[in-house]
Protein backbone atom coordinates (compact mmCIF):
# COMPACT_ATOMS: atom_id res chain seq x y z
CA UNK A 1 52.82 62.28 52.77
CA UNK A 2 49.40 63.32 54.23
CA UNK A 3 49.29 63.97 57.93
CA UNK A 4 46.82 61.95 60.39
CA UNK A 5 44.61 63.57 62.66
CA UNK A 6 47.11 62.22 65.57
CA UNK A 7 49.58 64.89 64.00
CA UNK A 8 47.35 67.66 65.17
CA UNK A 9 46.78 66.49 68.83
CA UNK A 10 48.68 68.39 71.56
CA UNK A 11 47.04 66.64 74.52
CA UNK A 12 44.46 63.79 75.07
CA UNK A 13 42.89 62.48 78.28
CA UNK A 14 40.56 59.33 78.57
CA UNK A 15 38.93 57.49 81.05
CA UNK A 16 36.23 54.21 81.14
CA UNK A 17 34.15 53.94 84.29
CA UNK A 18 32.80 50.04 84.18
CA UNK A 19 29.31 50.04 85.79
CA UNK A 20 28.47 53.63 85.12
CA UNK A 21 25.17 54.62 83.51
CA UNK A 22 24.94 58.49 83.01
CA UNK A 23 23.51 61.12 80.55
CA UNK A 24 26.03 62.68 78.21
CA UNK A 25 23.69 65.77 77.90
CA UNK A 26 23.92 66.24 81.71
CA UNK A 27 27.65 65.76 81.94
CA UNK A 28 28.23 68.24 79.24
CA UNK A 29 25.75 70.73 81.13
CA UNK A 30 27.97 70.22 84.21
CA UNK A 31 31.16 70.80 82.14
CA UNK A 32 29.84 74.13 80.84
CA UNK A 33 28.92 75.27 84.24
CA UNK A 34 32.17 74.62 85.44
CA UNK A 35 33.61 76.72 82.47
CA UNK A 36 31.55 79.43 83.18
CA UNK A 37 32.52 79.81 86.65
CA UNK A 38 35.93 79.72 85.52
CA UNK A 39 35.43 82.64 83.36
CA UNK A 40 37.38 81.08 80.50
CA UNK A 41 38.59 83.78 78.26
CA UNK A 42 36.91 84.17 74.96
CA UNK A 43 35.44 80.67 74.99
CA UNK A 44 33.20 79.46 72.81
CA UNK A 45 31.12 76.24 73.49
CA UNK A 46 28.87 74.20 71.40
CA UNK A 47 27.83 70.73 70.34
CA UNK A 48 29.38 69.02 67.26
CA UNK A 49 28.88 65.44 65.73
CA UNK A 50 31.98 63.34 64.94
CA UNK A 51 31.67 60.34 62.72
CA UNK A 52 32.46 56.89 64.34
CA UNK A 53 34.38 55.97 61.14
CA UNK A 54 33.15 57.52 57.38
CA UNK A 55 30.28 57.87 55.48
CA UNK A 56 26.91 56.14 56.61
CA UNK A 57 28.43 55.31 60.14
CA UNK A 58 26.73 56.81 63.19
CA UNK A 59 27.60 60.13 64.71
CA UNK A 60 28.86 60.83 68.50
CA UNK A 61 28.06 64.07 70.01
CA UNK A 62 31.32 66.01 71.39
CA UNK A 63 30.94 69.25 73.30
CA UNK A 64 33.42 71.56 71.71
CA UNK A 65 35.31 74.28 73.69
CA UNK A 66 37.41 77.09 71.50
CA UNK A 67 39.53 79.65 72.83
CA UNK A 68 42.58 81.33 72.71
CA UNK A 69 43.57 79.57 69.19
CA UNK A 70 42.82 76.19 70.49
CA UNK A 71 40.20 73.63 70.39
CA UNK A 72 38.95 71.37 73.07
CA UNK A 73 36.94 68.12 71.79
CA UNK A 74 35.26 66.27 74.77
CA UNK A 75 33.23 63.26 74.59
CA UNK A 76 31.16 61.26 77.17
CA UNK A 77 29.09 58.48 75.93
CA UNK A 78 28.19 54.66 77.04
CA UNK A 79 30.45 51.98 75.71
CA UNK A 80 29.86 48.06 76.71
CA UNK A 81 28.59 47.92 80.12
CA UNK A 82 30.21 51.15 81.18
CA UNK A 83 31.07 54.99 80.29
CA UNK A 84 33.44 56.79 78.26
CA UNK A 85 34.83 60.05 78.98
CA UNK A 86 37.56 61.33 76.47
CA UNK A 87 39.03 64.80 75.24
CA UNK A 88 41.50 65.56 72.44
CA UNK A 89 43.18 68.96 72.39
CA UNK A 90 44.33 70.60 69.11
CA UNK A 91 45.05 74.12 67.64
CA UNK A 92 41.89 75.40 65.96
CA UNK A 93 42.45 74.79 62.19
CA UNK A 94 42.37 77.76 59.83
CA UNK A 95 38.98 78.71 58.23
CA UNK A 96 38.61 80.11 54.54
CA UNK A 97 42.09 79.73 53.61
CA UNK A 98 41.20 80.20 49.99
CA UNK A 99 39.13 83.34 50.23
CA UNK A 100 41.90 84.73 52.51
CA UNK A 101 44.88 83.74 50.26
CA UNK A 102 43.00 85.54 47.33
CA UNK A 103 42.49 88.65 49.32
CA UNK A 104 46.30 88.55 50.00
CA UNK A 105 47.09 88.33 46.44
CA UNK A 106 44.70 90.97 45.27
CA UNK A 107 46.01 93.14 48.12
CA UNK A 108 49.66 92.74 47.26
CA UNK A 109 48.82 93.34 43.63
CA UNK A 110 47.04 96.70 44.34
CA UNK A 111 50.17 97.52 46.35
CA UNK A 112 52.52 96.74 44.02
CA UNK A 113 51.08 99.06 41.43
CA UNK A 114 50.47 101.67 43.67
CA UNK A 115 54.42 101.70 44.58
CA UNK A 116 55.34 101.29 41.16
CA UNK A 117 53.43 104.79 40.76
CA UNK A 118 55.05 106.24 43.43
CA UNK A 119 58.64 105.21 42.59
CA UNK A 120 58.12 106.03 38.89
CA UNK A 121 57.01 109.57 39.63
CA UNK A 122 60.09 110.14 42.24
CA UNK A 123 62.58 109.33 39.41
CA UNK A 124 60.62 110.96 36.61
CA UNK A 125 62.43 114.28 36.96
CA UNK A 126 65.91 112.72 37.48
CA UNK A 127 68.53 112.51 34.58
CA UNK A 128 68.43 109.04 33.16
CA UNK A 129 72.11 109.51 32.57
CA UNK A 130 73.09 110.01 36.19
CA UNK A 131 74.78 107.11 37.52
CA UNK A 132 73.34 107.20 40.97
CA UNK A 133 69.95 107.41 39.74
CA UNK A 134 70.46 104.57 37.39
CA UNK A 135 71.49 102.36 40.23
CA UNK A 136 68.68 103.31 42.51
CA UNK A 137 66.05 102.95 39.49
CA UNK A 138 67.32 99.30 39.04
CA UNK A 139 67.30 98.49 42.99
CA UNK A 140 64.23 100.27 43.60
CA UNK A 141 62.27 99.61 40.56
CA UNK A 142 63.07 95.76 40.44
CA UNK A 143 60.00 94.06 40.70
CA UNK A 144 61.39 91.60 43.05
CA UNK A 145 61.91 94.27 45.59
CA UNK A 146 58.53 96.01 45.14
CA UNK A 147 57.15 92.52 45.38
CA UNK A 148 58.72 91.84 48.59
CA UNK A 149 57.64 95.20 49.95
CA UNK A 150 53.94 94.94 48.72
CA UNK A 151 53.78 91.07 50.43
CA UNK A 152 55.75 92.21 53.49
CA UNK A 153 52.75 95.50 53.69
CA UNK A 154 50.12 92.83 53.63
CA UNK A 155 51.73 90.67 56.18
CA UNK A 156 51.94 93.83 58.39
CA UNK A 157 48.13 94.43 57.91
CA UNK A 158 47.24 90.75 58.69
CA UNK A 159 49.29 90.99 61.84
CA UNK A 160 47.84 94.24 62.81
CA UNK A 161 44.56 92.56 62.42
CA UNK A 162 45.41 89.57 64.44
CA UNK A 163 46.38 92.09 67.32
CA UNK A 164 43.19 93.91 67.29
CA UNK A 165 41.29 90.60 67.76
CA UNK A 166 40.58 89.41 64.38
CA UNK A 167 42.75 85.86 64.10
CA UNK A 168 41.25 84.31 60.98
CA UNK A 169 43.39 86.15 58.42
CA UNK A 170 46.69 85.46 60.63
CA UNK A 171 45.38 81.64 60.73
CA UNK A 172 44.54 81.34 57.13
CA UNK A 173 47.91 82.94 56.05
CA UNK A 174 50.07 80.53 58.39
CA UNK A 175 48.37 77.59 56.90
CA UNK A 176 49.64 78.51 53.36
CA UNK A 177 53.08 76.54 52.40
CA UNK A 178 56.05 78.91 52.36
CA UNK A 179 54.27 81.88 52.82
CA UNK A 180 52.98 80.70 56.34
CA UNK A 181 56.67 79.80 57.09
CA UNK A 182 57.89 83.39 56.20
CA UNK A 183 55.08 85.00 58.27
CA UNK A 184 55.50 82.74 61.35
CA UNK A 185 58.90 83.55 61.57
CA UNK A 186 58.56 87.51 61.16
CA UNK A 187 55.34 87.88 62.68
CA UNK A 188 54.13 85.12 64.84
CA UNK A 189 56.95 82.83 66.15
CA UNK A 190 56.18 80.27 68.88
CA UNK A 191 56.67 82.29 72.40
CA UNK A 192 56.64 81.08 75.86
CA UNK A 193 53.15 82.99 76.34
CA UNK A 194 51.45 81.07 73.46
CA UNK A 195 52.64 77.73 75.28
CA UNK A 196 51.67 79.00 78.39
CA UNK A 197 48.12 80.11 77.16
CA UNK A 198 47.67 76.53 75.36
CA UNK A 199 48.69 75.19 79.19
CA UNK A 200 46.20 77.46 80.75
CA UNK A 201 43.50 76.48 78.39
CA UNK A 202 43.88 72.72 78.85
CA UNK A 203 44.22 73.01 82.62
CA UNK A 204 40.99 75.18 82.85
CA UNK A 205 38.59 72.71 80.85
CA UNK A 206 40.52 69.69 82.20
CA UNK A 207 39.57 71.02 85.92
CA UNK A 208 35.94 71.59 84.72
CA UNK A 209 35.84 68.13 83.25
CA UNK A 210 37.28 66.39 86.35
CA UNK A 211 34.92 68.66 88.46
CA UNK A 212 31.63 67.37 86.68
CA UNK A 213 33.01 63.59 86.79
CA UNK A 214 33.93 63.86 90.53
CA UNK A 215 30.18 65.17 91.26
CA UNK A 216 29.16 62.20 89.13
CA UNK A 217 30.67 59.35 90.70
CA UNK A 218 30.21 60.75 94.00
CA UNK A 219 26.43 60.75 93.16
CA UNK A 220 26.37 57.08 91.86
CA UNK A 221 28.66 55.98 94.69
CA UNK A 222 31.53 55.32 92.32
CA UNK A 223 35.10 55.53 93.79
CA UNK A 224 36.95 58.89 92.81
CA UNK A 225 39.59 59.08 90.21
CA UNK A 226 43.21 58.21 91.38
CA UNK A 227 45.93 60.76 90.91
CA UNK A 228 47.45 59.14 88.04
CA UNK A 229 44.24 58.67 86.11
CA UNK A 230 43.53 62.47 86.29
CA UNK A 231 46.63 63.10 84.42
CA UNK A 232 46.58 63.27 80.31
CA UNK A 233 47.71 60.10 78.60
CA UNK A 234 49.41 62.31 75.67
CA UNK A 235 50.85 65.64 76.52
CA UNK A 236 53.09 67.58 73.97
CA UNK A 237 52.92 70.68 76.14
CA UNK A 238 55.32 69.64 78.67
C-alpha cells in the first residue's frame, strides 16, 4: 500500500490568527534572523513552492530549513479574514537513489572480481587433493561468501563517507528495500543521539518561529499565544 505524506511527518504545529494582516516574506525574514542568532548547525534555508492540490493548482511559498538529516517546511499565508502559520517536520528524503544504487552495484561487482582473483591466487599453489584446502576453497570461493563480503565492503565505504560529512550515499542506501534494512541494522541504527538531534532541531526552529510571531502580534496589538497554543499538535518525537 502506498504511503501518504502524513506517514513521514515527525511533528507539526499550526495557528490561525483572525483579523491579522501580515507579509509572508517579512515573517520568513524574521524567522531567518532568529535562526542565524541561534547558529543552527549545518542549516540550509531556502524558499520552496508547494502545490495547493495537483497539476495547475496555485502554489504556496514555504520557507524550508534543512539540517541534521531533517527538513522543516514553514508556511505563513493569508487565509480568509486571518493569517495562517504552520510548519511540518520530516526526515530529509533521499536524493539520487537510482544513481547511488547503480554505483553501489558497480562497486560491489568490482570488489567481487578483485576478491575472486586474490583468493584464487592464494589457492593456486595448494594441492587440490588436500581435504583442508578443498573445504576452504568451497567456503571461501563460494560466490555467496564473496558476494556478501563485497556488499559489506561497499557498506563500510558508505558509512565512512557519512561519518566524514557526506550523507547522500547513506540516505540513498537506506531508501533501498532490504539493502537499506540490512545497512540500518549494522551501520545506522536509531540511537538516542539521533532522536535528541531531531528534538533539538525542531525546538530551535520552533523557537525562532514563535519569536517572530510574538514580535508580529506585539506590533499589531494582538494577544500573545497561550502556552497550549505553542506546543506542536502532532509530535512523534516524544
